Amino acid sequence: MTKSRLIIFAIKVMASLRLQTVQKVGAFLGRLMWLFKLDQVRVTDTNLKLCFPELSDDKREKMLRRSLQETCKTFMEIGMAWEWPTDKCLGMNRIVEGKEFIDEGIANNEGIILLAPHLGNWELTGLYFSTLFNMAALYRPPKVAELDEYMTGVRGRAGSELVPTNKRGVLRLFKLLRSGGVVGILPDQEPPFSGGEFAPFFGVEANTMKLVSKLVEKTGATVLCTYSERLPNGEGFKLVIKKAEAEIASTDLVSSVTALNRSVELCVRQCPTQYQWEYKRFKRRRKGEDHHYDEGRVW
């Protein structure tokens, strides 16, 4: 069995389990990561030290352990988000908060940019909006063609269009927004230097994508933030929709990307342990600065 087929098989197995069971397995895997001190533990600890310097060692350790568990829950829930019938998945959204902001944008015939950070279950968030609108989501294709075909199929089953992170994909986003469509973007992925601008995120300078700022400048689209917060005891999720910071529409690039990061930060602070702190968000730095994750390395 090829690696891609093994991954797909594992996803289908996860989809056969109840949500509560999947989340318990995820929490267990998170505890194993802590026990064996995998690299994700080091990265998470580094990020929490950078972003929450006010926390005591004990509080930061508790947050770290919980973060590992919540991140593992997110990945264990992929089977549900990709394989369950759409109606069953959407039934897991017990609460939808802020839908009036979407209705307002649609009523005004404005394009809408949905910023969906790596917070809670972002796969479920994307599925919810793909059932409502003519929507395109920017994604980074996996290197294995078989896995890419499977992933685009399950993610697009409700009508969402997946566009790759290349020039043609970006042009498609501009076209959709100008026609009043909806675009979904993961705003906290670190871009290459050519596509980014440094701006504070939790008080730490982070290389931040310029794409959202350019889309807003050229199309005048409304920018909203959204995430699916995991409710306790396997009860489901609360889908939250919020307005992004107004300065995101600034023509000054630094002000705009700063507002982007601030918008994401305000979401993360609502349920901080459900953010994917295991990601090397501050990997790229300005020339001559110390590397955050590789001690002794200088950019």
Protein backbone atom coordinates (compact mmCIF):
# COMPACT_ATOMS: atom_id res chain seq x y z
CA MET A 1 0.00 0.00 0.00
CA THR A 2 1.41 3.39 -1.01
CA LYS A 3 1.89 6.12 1.56
CA SER A 4 -0.99 8.19 0.14
CA ARG A 5 -3.38 5.22 0.21
CA LEU A 6 -2.37 4.46 3.78
CA ILE A 7 -3.16 8.06 4.78
CA ILE A 8 -6.55 7.92 3.05
CA PHE A 9 -7.31 4.58 4.74
CA ALA A 10 -6.43 6.09 8.15
CA ILE A 11 -8.73 9.06 7.48
CA LYS A 12 -11.60 6.72 6.61
CA VAL A 13 -11.02 4.75 9.82
CA MET A 14 -11.19 7.98 11.84
CA ALA A 15 -14.44 8.84 10.06
CA SER A 16 -16.01 5.61 11.32
CA LEU A 17 -15.67 6.74 14.95
CA ARG A 18 -17.92 8.95 17.04
CA LEU A 19 -16.77 12.54 17.59
CA GLN A 20 -16.29 11.97 21.32
CA THR A 21 -14.12 8.92 20.64
CA VAL A 22 -12.03 10.75 18.05
CA GLN A 23 -11.41 13.62 20.45
CA LYS A 24 -10.41 11.24 23.26
CA VAL A 25 -7.91 9.57 20.94
CA GLY A 26 -6.59 13.01 19.96
CA ALA A 27 -6.13 14.00 23.59
CA PHE A 28 -4.27 10.74 24.22
CA LEU A 29 -1.95 11.35 21.27
CA GLY A 30 -1.27 14.85 22.58
CA ARG A 31 -0.26 13.41 25.94
CA LEU A 32 2.09 10.99 24.15
CA MET A 33 3.71 13.90 22.30
CA TRP A 34 4.39 15.55 25.63
CA LEU A 35 5.67 12.32 27.19
CA PHE A 36 8.14 11.60 24.38
CA LYS A 37 9.11 15.27 24.00
CA LEU A 38 8.62 15.34 20.25
CA ASP A 39 9.84 18.38 18.33
CA GLN A 40 6.31 19.86 18.40
CA VAL A 41 6.70 20.24 22.17
CA ARG A 42 9.80 22.39 21.73
CA VAL A 43 8.21 24.53 19.02
CA THR A 44 5.02 25.04 21.04
CA ASP A 45 7.00 25.99 24.12
CA THR A 46 9.04 28.50 22.11
CA ASN A 47 5.91 30.10 20.65
CA LEU A 48 4.17 30.34 24.02
CA LYS A 49 7.26 31.94 25.59
CA LEU A 50 7.33 34.50 22.78
CA CYS A 51 3.60 35.27 22.79
CA PHE A 52 2.75 34.96 26.49
CA PRO A 53 5.85 36.16 28.37
CA GLU A 54 3.63 37.14 31.30
CA LEU A 55 2.74 33.50 32.07
CA SER A 56 4.46 31.64 34.87
CA ASP A 57 6.29 28.41 34.00
CA ASP A 58 3.47 26.33 35.51
CA LYS A 59 0.72 28.11 33.58
CA ARG A 60 2.69 27.96 30.35
CA GLU A 61 3.28 24.22 30.79
CA LYS A 62 -0.44 23.61 31.35
CA MET A 63 -1.24 25.64 28.24
CA LEU A 64 1.40 23.73 26.27
CA ARG A 65 -0.01 20.32 27.24
CA ARG A 66 -3.54 21.37 26.42
CA SER A 67 -2.43 22.83 23.08
CA LEU A 68 -0.84 19.53 22.05
CA GLN A 69 -4.07 17.70 22.87
CA GLU A 70 -6.27 20.19 21.02
CA THR A 71 -4.05 20.13 17.92
CA CYS A 72 -4.16 16.33 17.85
CA LYS A 73 -7.95 16.49 18.18
CA THR A 74 -8.07 18.76 15.14
CA PHE A 75 -6.16 16.29 13.00
CA MET A 76 -8.13 13.33 14.30
CA GLU A 77 -11.32 15.18 13.28
CA ILE A 78 -10.22 15.31 9.63
CA GLY A 79 -12.05 12.03 9.01
CA MET A 80 -15.30 13.59 10.20
CA ALA A 81 -14.83 16.80 8.19
CA TRP A 82 -13.84 15.00 4.98
CA GLU A 83 -15.89 11.80 5.02
CA TRP A 84 -19.12 12.42 6.92
CA PRO A 85 -22.19 13.52 4.94
CA THR A 86 -22.30 17.30 4.76
CA ASP A 87 -25.54 17.62 6.76
CA LYS A 88 -24.12 15.47 9.55
CA CYS A 89 -20.98 17.59 9.70
CA LEU A 90 -22.92 20.85 9.80
CA GLY A 91 -25.06 19.41 12.57
CA MET A 92 -21.94 19.53 14.75
CA ASN A 93 -22.15 23.35 14.66
CA ARG A 94 -24.34 23.76 17.73
CA ILE A 95 -24.00 27.54 17.69
CA VAL A 96 -23.41 30.00 14.83
CA GLU A 97 -22.45 33.44 16.11
CA GLY A 98 -22.18 36.55 13.94
CA LYS A 99 -23.91 35.36 10.77
CA GLU A 100 -25.44 38.84 10.42
CA PHE A 101 -22.03 40.12 9.24
CA ILE A 102 -22.16 37.67 6.32
CA ASP A 103 -25.75 38.62 5.51
CA GLU A 104 -24.79 42.30 5.53
CA GLY A 105 -21.95 41.79 3.07
CA ILE A 106 -24.10 39.73 0.73
CA ALA A 107 -26.95 42.26 0.87
CA ASN A 108 -24.52 45.00 -0.15
CA ASN A 109 -23.32 42.87 -3.05
CA GLU A 110 -19.78 43.08 -1.73
CA GLY A 111 -17.13 40.45 -2.14
CA ILE A 112 -16.22 38.82 1.17
CA ILE A 113 -12.81 37.62 2.35
CA LEU A 114 -13.08 35.06 5.15
CA LEU A 115 -9.95 34.83 7.29
CA ALA A 116 -9.90 31.38 8.87
CA PRO A 117 -6.82 30.98 11.09
CA HIS A 118 -5.56 27.62 12.33
CA LEU A 119 -7.90 27.79 15.28
CA GLY A 120 -10.32 25.08 16.37
CA ASN A 121 -11.56 22.94 13.47
CA TRP A 122 -10.83 25.02 10.34
CA GLU A 123 -11.90 22.18 8.03
CA LEU A 124 -15.42 22.33 9.47
CA THR A 125 -15.39 26.11 9.09
CA GLY A 126 -14.60 25.84 5.38
CA LEU A 127 -17.29 23.22 4.82
CA TYR A 128 -19.96 25.40 6.44
CA PHE A 129 -19.32 28.36 4.15
CA SER A 130 -18.94 26.23 1.02
CA THR A 131 -22.57 25.14 1.42
CA LEU A 132 -23.78 28.74 1.46
CA PHE A 133 -21.87 30.59 -1.24
CA ASN A 134 -20.06 30.55 -4.54
CA MET A 135 -16.78 30.25 -2.69
CA ALA A 136 -13.12 29.64 -3.46
CA ALA A 137 -10.48 28.71 -0.91
CA LEU A 138 -6.76 29.18 -1.35
CA TYR A 139 -4.78 26.02 -0.55
CA ARG A 140 -1.28 24.61 -0.89
CA PRO A 141 -1.45 21.36 -2.92
CA PRO A 142 0.35 18.33 -1.44
CA LYS A 143 3.24 16.96 -3.43
CA VAL A 144 1.59 13.55 -3.94
CA ALA A 145 -0.90 13.75 -6.82
CA GLU A 146 -3.12 10.93 -5.51
CA LEU A 147 -3.49 12.64 -2.14
CA ASP A 148 -4.19 15.99 -3.83
CA GLU A 149 -6.98 14.43 -5.91
CA TYR A 150 -8.59 12.92 -2.83
CA MET A 151 -8.26 16.09 -0.77
CA THR A 152 -9.71 18.40 -3.43
CA GLY A 153 -12.57 15.97 -3.94
CA VAL A 154 -13.67 15.78 -0.32
CA ARG A 155 -13.09 19.47 0.40
CA GLY A 156 -15.01 20.49 -2.70
CA ARG A 157 -17.94 18.10 -2.29
CA ALA A 158 -20.24 20.89 -1.11
CA GLY A 159 -19.32 23.18 -4.00
CA SER A 160 -16.20 24.95 -2.75
CA GLU A 161 -13.59 25.71 -5.40
CA LEU A 162 -10.00 25.09 -4.32
CA VAL A 163 -7.42 27.30 -5.99
CA PRO A 164 -3.67 26.71 -5.63
CA THR A 165 -1.22 29.20 -4.19
CA ASN A 166 0.15 30.37 -7.53
CA LYS A 167 -0.38 33.32 -9.86
CA ARG A 168 -3.35 31.72 -11.62
CA GLY A 169 -5.00 30.92 -8.28
CA VAL A 170 -4.57 34.49 -7.03
CA LEU A 171 -6.06 35.91 -10.23
CA ARG A 172 -9.08 33.67 -9.69
CA LEU A 173 -9.54 35.17 -6.22
CA PHE A 174 -9.55 38.70 -7.64
CA LYS A 175 -12.14 37.71 -10.23
CA LEU A 176 -14.44 36.10 -7.68
CA LEU A 177 -14.32 39.05 -5.29
CA ARG A 178 -15.07 41.56 -8.04
CA SER A 179 -18.18 39.53 -8.91
CA GLY A 180 -19.37 39.57 -5.28
CA GLY A 181 -18.13 36.09 -4.42
CA VAL A 182 -16.62 34.72 -1.22
CA VAL A 183 -12.96 33.80 -0.73
CA GLY A 184 -11.47 31.81 2.15
CA ILE A 185 -7.85 32.30 3.23
CA LEU A 186 -5.74 30.86 6.04
CA PRO A 187 -4.12 34.14 7.13
CA ASP A 188 -1.49 32.82 9.53
CA GLN A 189 0.63 30.76 7.14
CA GLU A 190 4.09 32.22 6.75
CA PRO A 191 4.71 33.35 3.16
CA PRO A 192 8.06 33.51 1.37
CA PHE A 193 9.88 36.80 1.90
CA SER A 194 8.69 38.06 -1.49
CA GLY A 195 5.05 37.66 -0.46
CA GLY A 196 5.31 38.96 3.08
CA GLU A 197 5.75 42.03 5.26
CA PHE A 198 6.85 42.03 8.90
CA ALA A 199 4.20 43.03 11.43
CA PRO A 200 3.58 42.22 15.12
CA PHE A 201 1.63 39.12 16.11
CA PHE A 202 1.22 38.82 19.89
CA GLY A 203 3.91 41.48 20.08
CA VAL A 204 6.40 39.42 18.04
CA GLU A 205 7.49 40.48 14.56
CA ALA A 206 6.09 37.94 12.09
CA ASN A 207 6.48 37.66 8.34
CA THR A 208 2.85 38.19 7.28
CA MET A 209 1.14 37.65 3.93
CA LYS A 210 0.51 40.73 1.78
CA LEU A 211 -2.14 38.98 -0.32
CA VAL A 212 -5.13 39.94 1.83
CA SER A 213 -4.09 43.60 1.81
CA LYS A 214 -3.76 43.57 -1.98
CA LEU A 215 -7.13 41.86 -2.42
CA VAL A 216 -8.86 44.45 -0.24
CA GLU A 217 -7.10 47.36 -1.95
CA LYS A 218 -8.07 46.21 -5.45
CA THR A 219 -11.62 44.95 -4.79
CA GLY A 220 -12.94 46.78 -1.71
CA ALA A 221 -14.09 43.44 -0.30
CA THR A 222 -15.42 43.06 3.24
CA VAL A 223 -13.03 41.17 5.52
CA LEU A 224 -14.36 38.86 8.23
CA CYS A 225 -12.69 36.43 10.61
CA THR A 226 -14.14 33.02 11.37
CA TYR A 227 -13.33 29.88 13.35
CA SER A 228 -15.03 26.80 14.80
CA GLU A 229 -14.36 26.57 18.52
CA ARG A 230 -14.45 23.07 20.00
CA LEU A 231 -17.06 22.74 22.74
CA PRO A 232 -16.28 20.62 25.83
CA ASN A 233 -17.07 16.91 26.21
CA GLY A 234 -17.48 16.23 22.52
CA GLU A 235 -20.63 18.34 22.32
CA GLY A 236 -19.72 19.83 18.92
CA PHE A 237 -18.55 23.28 17.87
CA LYS A 238 -19.40 26.98 18.02
CA LEU A 239 -18.83 28.70 14.68
CA VAL A 240 -17.87 32.34 15.20
CA ILE A 241 -17.88 35.13 12.60
CA LYS A 242 -16.35 38.51 13.48
CA LYS A 243 -15.44 41.70 11.68
CA ALA A 244 -11.76 42.15 10.98
CA GLU A 245 -9.99 45.25 12.29
CA ALA A 246 -10.94 48.30 10.19
CA GLU A 247 -7.29 49.21 9.47
CA ILE A 248 -6.99 46.10 7.31
CA ALA A 249 -8.38 48.30 4.52
CA SER A 250 -5.58 50.85 4.96
CA THR A 251 -3.60 51.72 1.84
CA ASP A 252 -0.48 51.66 4.01
CA LEU A 253 0.80 48.08 3.74
CA VAL A 254 2.33 47.86 7.22
CA SER A 255 -0.86 49.19 8.83
CA SER A 256 -2.94 46.71 6.85
CA VAL A 257 -0.91 43.60 7.69
CA THR A 258 -0.68 44.73 11.32
CA ALA A 259 -4.48 44.86 11.39
CA LEU A 260 -4.58 41.41 9.82
CA ASN A 261 -2.43 39.96 12.58
CA ARG A 262 -4.40 41.83 15.23
CA SER A 263 -7.64 40.39 13.84
CA VAL A 264 -6.25 36.86 14.08
CA GLU A 265 -4.86 37.52 17.55
CA LEU A 266 -8.24 38.65 18.87
CA CYS A 267 -9.76 35.39 17.65
CA VAL A 268 -6.98 33.28 19.17
CA ARG A 269 -7.35 34.93 22.56
CA GLN A 270 -10.94 33.64 22.74
CA CYS A 271 -9.74 30.01 22.91
CA PRO A 272 -5.92 30.13 22.94
CA THR A 273 -5.29 26.43 23.60
CA GLN A 274 -7.13 25.56 20.36
CA TYR A 275 -4.65 27.48 18.21
CA GLN A 276 -1.99 25.50 16.35
CA TRP A 277 1.01 26.68 18.34
CA GLU A 278 2.97 23.72 16.96
CA TYR A 279 3.49 25.67 13.70
CA LYS A 280 6.72 27.65 13.29
CA ARG A 281 4.93 30.96 12.81
CA PHE A 282 8.05 33.04 13.47
CA LYS A 283 10.49 31.02 11.40
CA ARG A 284 11.56 33.77 8.99
CA ARG A 285 13.24 36.81 10.46
CA ARG A 286 15.01 39.89 9.19
CA LYS A 287 18.58 39.49 7.98
CA GLY A 288 21.06 39.33 10.86
CA GLU A 289 18.49 38.35 13.52
CA ASP A 290 18.69 35.16 15.56
CA HIS A 291 16.54 32.21 14.51
CA HIS A 292 13.74 31.53 17.02
CA TYR A 293 13.68 27.75 16.56
CA ASP A 294 17.31 26.85 15.79
CA GLU A 295 19.60 28.03 18.57
CA GLY A 296 22.77 29.65 17.29
CA ARG A 297 21.45 30.13 13.75
CA VAL A 298 21.31 33.65 12.31
CA TRP A 299 19.32 34.76 9.28
